[in-house]
Every structure is written in structure tokens, then in C-alpha cells.
Amino acid sequence: MIRRFFSLFARRPRPLLSGAVNRDAIEQLTGLTIGDLAVYERALTHRSLLRTDLRPDLRSNERLEFLGDAILGMVVAEHLFSRFPDRDEGYLTRLRSKLVNRKALAASATELNLGQVILMSDAIAATTGRTSESILSDAFEAVIGAIFIDLGMDAARKFINRTVLHRVNLSELGSQQDNFKSLLLEFAQARKWPQPAYRIKHESGPSHDKIFTIEVVLSDRFLGEGIARSKKEAEQQAAREALRILSDEEKAQKSGREEIIESIQDDS
């Protein structure tokens, strides 16, 4: 049933871009013996290429990225569920987010030299296109989608195990405390936004045992608040809430999502 659902994302193969994607390079990258080279070319096609290559049959990797993201999340969740049987869902959710966030996936892609084989416009390639965390992480997920379409779930799981789950010590990663203030600052700086501002909204309790309510504001927009017995902890809670809101908004705004859903419905 799962294979049948995901197969709706596949399209009929099209001719390869001459010399653009090398079978040996893809097999070295994936560690697998591949079949349909065309699906990997699509997985490596950044949308910027569509602005200069106007062929009507050319497709970007966004559909495969969407598919790969779903497969990645399922495989990682399944592995963590089995690996940590005594941990609650909060711990598993936090650990999964550390494994599949943009920075982590871009790091995995960099280790594979994935940026060197992504097809993109000359303008993007001439800047930071081949090292962009966004482009690398999206292509990495698209490759997972391509592996599934070409070789099935077992092959996709093997690739994810090798490149995501077995590249880090999961117990150590799970014990690391996130600095949400730093993460929020990096998030804002990457988008050329002003720095987040933290301000005390309310204080209660005696001087030796105060409780602080602190809110975080970004570009005059309230994004979250935290309540704790120390200002630092309250700020961390507020930053964490802000990151959740901003991440959810980015996911909702990600280009191509509505078109993908509509096309799946049409294909079915």
C-alpha cells in the first residue's frame, strides 16, 4: 500500500541531459547499483535551471524532495522508536529534528560531494549554489525519493541508515542541549532579518524566587514567550517557540506544495 501511494509521484522517464549525470558518479554517491538514471537526474535538477532551459518536459526536483522528505521522516522515526524503547515521544521528536533538519542534511550531502553534481543555473552555481544548505538538503531528500522510485523502500532505508543514522552517535546527540537562542539568531541572520529581541513581560514571586515571563520579538512581531525561574531559561523557551512558528510557516510557504497535491489527485 505504501509503495503504491508513493508510486503516484513517479513520471514517465524523459531523455537525459547529455553528459549531465554520470551513472558511475551516482552509484558512488548512493552506494547502490541503480536502474533508471533519469530519475536521479530529476532529483539533481534545481528549479533555477528551468529559467534557462525552457523545454516543457523539464522538471525540478521539488516533487522528489517532497517524497524523499516523507520517506526520510518515516525511516528515522521507525529507527528511533526501536532504538530507544524507553524514551518518550518528546525525546524522540527532538532527536529526529536534530537528524533531519536543514543543517544536518546539508552536512550529509556535503560528505557525499552532492553539490558538485546538482544541475542548476550558471548564475546560482557562480555564487553559493553548490554550498547552499537549502539547495543541498533539498537535493539530498530528492535523491532519497529517487532511490525509492528506482529501487524501493529497502534501498532507500539502506541509504538513510548509512548517510543519516550511522554518521552520528545517537545517544550523544540526544543528550546535547539545544541553544535555541543561537539557533534563532542563525535563522534570522540567514534571512538577513534583524536580531531577535528579548524583553521581560512579567515578573512574579519574592526576590529570591522570582518567575520570569519573557517574550521574543523579531521585526516588531511577537513570536513566542517563555516562563521560568531564570531569565536565561525563559529566553530559551521563547526562542524555541519562535523557531517552531517560523519553521511551520516556511513549510507552509514552500513552493510547489499545492501543485504537488493537485497533481497527485489528478494522477490518481
Protein backbone atom coordinates (compact mmCIF):
# COMPACT_ATOMS: atom_id res chain seq x y z
CA MET A 1 0.00 0.00 0.00
CA ILE A 2 2.82 2.42 0.89
CA ARG A 3 4.70 1.61 -2.32
CA ARG A 4 1.50 2.11 -4.31
CA PHE A 5 0.89 5.50 -2.72
CA PHE A 6 4.44 6.75 -3.29
CA SER A 7 4.42 5.46 -6.87
CA LEU A 8 1.96 8.23 -7.69
CA PHE A 9 4.92 10.62 -7.58
CA ALA A 10 6.68 8.90 -10.47
CA ARG A 11 6.52 10.21 -14.01
CA ARG A 12 7.48 8.54 -17.25
CA PRO A 13 11.22 8.82 -17.98
CA ARG A 14 12.44 11.53 -20.34
CA PRO A 15 15.69 11.82 -22.28
CA LEU A 16 18.73 12.64 -20.16
CA LEU A 17 20.59 15.91 -20.45
CA SER A 18 23.62 14.89 -22.47
CA GLY A 19 26.51 14.02 -20.15
CA ALA A 20 24.95 15.86 -17.20
CA VAL A 21 24.57 12.89 -14.85
CA ASN A 22 27.07 10.06 -14.82
CA ARG A 23 25.90 6.59 -13.75
CA ASP A 24 29.19 5.77 -12.04
CA ALA A 25 29.08 9.01 -10.07
CA ILE A 26 25.50 8.37 -8.92
CA GLU A 27 26.31 4.81 -7.88
CA GLN A 28 29.33 6.01 -5.95
CA LEU A 29 27.22 8.71 -4.30
CA THR A 30 24.36 6.39 -3.32
CA GLY A 31 26.40 3.24 -2.71
CA LEU A 32 23.82 1.37 -4.78
CA THR A 33 23.54 -0.20 -8.21
CA ILE A 34 20.92 1.99 -9.83
CA GLY A 35 18.48 1.31 -12.63
CA ASP A 36 16.69 4.37 -14.03
CA LEU A 37 19.32 7.10 -14.38
CA ALA A 38 16.70 9.64 -15.49
CA VAL A 39 15.00 9.76 -12.07
CA TYR A 40 18.31 10.70 -10.44
CA GLU A 41 18.83 13.46 -12.96
CA ARG A 42 15.47 14.85 -11.97
CA ALA A 43 16.43 14.55 -8.31
CA LEU A 44 19.51 16.67 -9.03
CA THR A 45 17.72 19.36 -11.07
CA HIS A 46 17.38 22.59 -9.10
CA ARG A 47 14.47 24.82 -10.09
CA SER A 48 16.84 27.60 -11.20
CA LEU A 49 17.73 25.52 -14.26
CA LEU A 50 14.16 25.83 -15.51
CA ARG A 51 14.68 29.56 -16.04
CA THR A 52 17.34 28.94 -18.68
CA ASP A 53 16.31 25.54 -20.04
CA LEU A 54 12.79 26.08 -21.38
CA ARG A 55 12.00 22.54 -22.50
CA PRO A 56 8.38 21.81 -21.49
CA ASP A 57 9.24 18.33 -20.19
CA LEU A 58 11.96 19.53 -17.80
CA ARG A 59 11.02 19.16 -14.13
CA SER A 60 12.76 20.31 -10.97
CA ASN A 61 13.48 18.06 -8.00
CA GLU A 62 10.72 19.53 -5.82
CA ARG A 63 8.31 16.61 -6.22
CA LEU A 64 11.01 14.08 -5.41
CA GLU A 65 12.13 16.24 -2.49
CA PHE A 66 8.59 16.12 -1.09
CA LEU A 67 8.56 12.35 -1.47
CA GLY A 68 12.03 11.92 -0.02
CA ASP A 69 11.16 14.07 2.98
CA ALA A 70 8.23 11.78 3.80
CA ILE A 71 10.33 8.63 3.43
CA LEU A 72 13.21 10.08 5.47
CA GLY A 73 10.90 11.08 8.31
CA MET A 74 9.27 7.65 8.39
CA VAL A 75 12.56 5.69 8.34
CA VAL A 76 14.17 7.87 11.01
CA ALA A 77 11.07 7.72 13.23
CA GLU A 78 10.91 3.93 12.87
CA HIS A 79 14.61 3.57 13.74
CA LEU A 80 14.44 5.85 16.79
CA PHE A 81 11.27 4.13 18.02
CA SER A 82 13.11 0.80 18.04
CA ARG A 83 16.48 2.16 19.17
CA PHE A 84 15.12 3.97 22.26
CA PRO A 85 12.19 1.87 23.58
CA ASP A 86 12.16 3.60 26.97
CA ARG A 87 12.16 7.19 25.73
CA ASP A 88 9.01 9.28 25.42
CA GLU A 89 7.74 10.91 22.26
CA GLY A 90 9.18 14.29 23.23
CA TYR A 91 12.72 12.92 23.31
CA LEU A 92 12.19 11.04 20.03
CA THR A 93 10.77 14.13 18.34
CA ARG A 94 13.69 16.31 19.44
CA LEU A 95 16.23 13.72 18.33
CA ARG A 96 14.54 13.28 14.98
CA SER A 97 14.61 17.04 14.41
CA LYS A 98 18.36 17.05 15.07
CA LEU A 99 18.85 14.36 12.43
CA VAL A 100 16.63 15.69 9.64
CA ASN A 101 16.94 19.48 9.90
CA ARG A 102 18.39 21.52 7.04
CA LYS A 103 21.85 21.88 8.56
CA ALA A 104 22.20 18.16 9.32
CA LEU A 105 21.03 17.06 5.88
CA ALA A 106 23.30 19.61 4.20
CA ALA A 107 26.21 18.16 6.19
CA SER A 108 25.35 14.66 4.96
CA ALA A 109 25.09 15.98 1.40
CA THR A 110 28.47 17.71 1.71
CA GLU A 111 30.12 14.47 2.84
CA LEU A 112 28.79 12.87 -0.36
CA ASN A 113 30.01 15.80 -2.53
CA LEU A 114 26.42 16.10 -3.68
CA GLY A 115 26.78 19.79 -4.51
CA GLN A 116 29.14 19.01 -7.39
CA VAL A 117 26.51 17.06 -9.34
CA ILE A 118 23.44 19.26 -8.79
CA LEU A 119 22.15 20.76 -12.03
CA MET A 120 21.47 24.48 -11.60
CA SER A 121 21.66 27.75 -13.48
CA ASP A 122 25.06 29.28 -14.13
CA ALA A 123 24.08 32.29 -12.03
CA ILE A 124 23.29 30.19 -8.97
CA ALA A 125 26.35 28.00 -9.45
CA ALA A 126 28.57 31.09 -9.68
CA THR A 127 27.51 32.25 -6.22
CA THR A 128 26.92 29.85 -3.32
CA GLY A 129 24.60 27.40 -5.06
CA ARG A 130 26.80 24.36 -4.58
CA THR A 131 27.28 25.02 -0.87
CA SER A 132 23.81 26.36 -0.01
CA GLU A 133 22.29 24.45 2.90
CA SER A 134 18.83 24.81 1.38
CA ILE A 135 19.82 23.51 -2.06
CA LEU A 136 21.93 20.69 -0.63
CA SER A 137 19.32 19.48 1.86
CA ASP A 138 16.54 19.62 -0.74
CA ALA A 139 18.63 17.65 -3.25
CA PHE A 140 19.53 15.10 -0.58
CA GLU A 141 15.85 14.45 0.12
CA ALA A 142 15.14 14.29 -3.61
CA VAL A 143 17.82 11.62 -4.03
CA ILE A 144 16.06 9.58 -1.34
CA GLY A 145 12.85 9.93 -3.33
CA ALA A 146 14.65 8.84 -6.50
CA ILE A 147 16.12 5.77 -4.80
CA PHE A 148 12.66 4.78 -3.62
CA ILE A 149 11.14 5.18 -7.09
CA ASP A 150 14.01 3.30 -8.71
CA LEU A 151 14.88 0.59 -6.20
CA GLY A 152 12.22 0.52 -3.49
CA MET A 153 11.98 1.08 0.25
CA ASP A 154 14.73 -1.32 1.32
CA ALA A 155 17.29 0.54 -0.80
CA ALA A 156 16.06 3.93 0.47
CA ARG A 157 16.32 2.68 4.06
CA LYS A 158 19.86 1.38 3.42
CA PHE A 159 20.91 4.78 2.06
CA ILE A 160 19.34 6.65 5.01
CA ASN A 161 20.95 4.31 7.52
CA ARG A 162 24.38 4.88 6.01
CA THR A 163 24.22 8.63 5.46
CA VAL A 164 21.98 9.86 8.29
CA LEU A 165 21.55 7.38 11.13
CA HIS A 166 25.01 5.85 11.29
CA ARG A 167 27.07 9.00 10.79
CA VAL A 168 26.49 10.22 14.36
CA ASN A 169 26.31 8.81 17.87
CA LEU A 170 22.58 8.93 18.53
CA SER A 171 22.88 8.72 22.32
CA GLU A 172 25.32 11.62 22.44
CA LEU A 173 23.21 13.63 20.02
CA GLY A 174 20.12 13.04 22.13
CA SER A 175 21.86 14.25 25.28
CA GLN A 176 23.01 17.53 23.74
CA GLN A 177 21.13 20.59 24.95
CA ASP A 178 19.97 22.86 22.16
CA ASN A 179 20.84 26.54 22.36
CA PHE A 180 17.60 27.82 20.89
CA LYS A 181 18.67 31.45 21.15
CA SER A 182 21.69 30.75 18.93
CA LEU A 183 19.57 28.74 16.51
CA LEU A 184 17.02 31.57 16.26
CA LEU A 185 19.78 34.10 15.68
CA GLU A 186 21.26 31.93 12.91
CA PHE A 187 17.79 31.54 11.41
CA ALA A 188 17.33 35.33 11.34
CA GLN A 189 20.83 36.08 10.03
CA ALA A 190 20.48 33.56 7.20
CA ARG A 191 17.45 35.51 6.00
CA LYS A 192 19.04 38.92 6.61
CA TRP A 193 16.50 39.75 9.31
CA PRO A 194 17.26 41.93 12.35
CA GLN A 195 18.38 40.25 15.54
CA PRO A 196 15.65 38.84 17.82
CA ALA A 197 14.91 40.99 20.87
CA TYR A 198 14.02 39.56 24.28
CA ARG A 199 12.09 41.58 26.83
CA ILE A 200 10.64 40.86 30.23
CA LYS A 201 6.87 40.76 30.03
CA HIS A 202 6.17 39.91 33.67
CA GLU A 203 7.92 39.09 36.95
CA SER A 204 6.32 37.42 39.95
CA GLY A 205 7.34 35.97 43.29
CA PRO A 206 9.77 37.11 46.00
CA SER A 207 13.20 38.44 45.08
CA HIS A 208 14.92 35.16 45.97
CA ASP A 209 12.49 33.02 43.96
CA LYS A 210 11.26 35.04 41.01
CA ILE A 211 9.43 33.65 37.98
CA PHE A 212 10.11 35.45 34.70
CA THR A 213 7.90 35.66 31.64
CA ILE A 214 9.97 36.75 28.67
CA GLU A 215 8.82 37.30 25.10
CA VAL A 216 10.84 37.33 21.91
CA VAL A 217 10.18 39.86 19.15
CA LEU A 218 11.52 39.83 15.61
CA SER A 219 10.91 42.77 13.26
CA ASP A 220 8.28 44.12 15.69
CA ARG A 221 6.46 40.79 15.58
CA PHE A 222 5.76 38.80 18.74
CA LEU A 223 6.84 35.20 18.15
CA GLY A 224 6.76 33.43 21.48
CA GLU A 225 7.25 33.57 25.20
CA GLY A 226 8.87 31.53 27.93
CA ILE A 227 8.21 31.19 31.65
CA ALA A 228 10.97 30.04 34.02
CA ARG A 229 12.79 30.81 37.26
CA SER A 230 15.74 32.26 35.38
CA LYS A 231 15.84 34.82 32.61
CA LYS A 232 18.14 32.62 30.51
CA GLU A 233 15.83 29.63 30.64
CA ALA A 234 12.78 31.77 29.85
CA GLU A 235 14.60 33.24 26.86
CA GLN A 236 15.49 29.74 25.63
CA GLN A 237 11.84 28.69 25.87
CA ALA A 238 10.72 31.79 23.97
CA ALA A 239 13.31 31.19 21.23
CA ARG A 240 12.23 27.57 20.91
CA GLU A 241 8.60 28.62 20.42
CA ALA A 242 9.65 31.22 17.84
CA LEU A 243 11.64 28.62 15.89
CA ARG A 244 8.66 26.30 15.83
CA ILE A 245 6.38 29.02 14.49
CA LEU A 246 8.85 30.19 11.86
CA SER A 247 9.66 26.66 10.73
CA ASP A 248 5.96 25.83 10.37
CA GLU A 249 5.44 28.99 8.31
CA GLU A 250 8.33 28.15 5.98
CA LYS A 251 6.97 24.68 5.41
CA ALA A 252 3.54 26.09 4.61
CA GLN A 253 5.02 28.57 2.15
CA LYS A 254 7.39 26.17 0.41
CA SER A 255 6.90 26.45 -3.31
CA GLY A 256 5.24 23.68 -5.25
CA ARG A 257 3.37 22.03 -2.39
CA GLU A 258 -0.14 22.87 -3.59
CA GLU A 259 0.75 21.86 -7.16
CA ILE A 260 2.11 18.53 -5.96
CA ILE A 261 -1.07 17.71 -4.05
CA GLU A 262 -3.24 18.68 -7.01
CA SER A 263 -1.15 16.65 -9.44
CA ILE A 264 -1.31 13.58 -7.19
CA GLN A 265 -5.08 13.87 -7.10
CA ASP A 266 -5.13 14.22 -10.90
CA ASP A 267 -2.82 11.21 -11.38
CA SER A 268 -4.93 9.06 -9.10
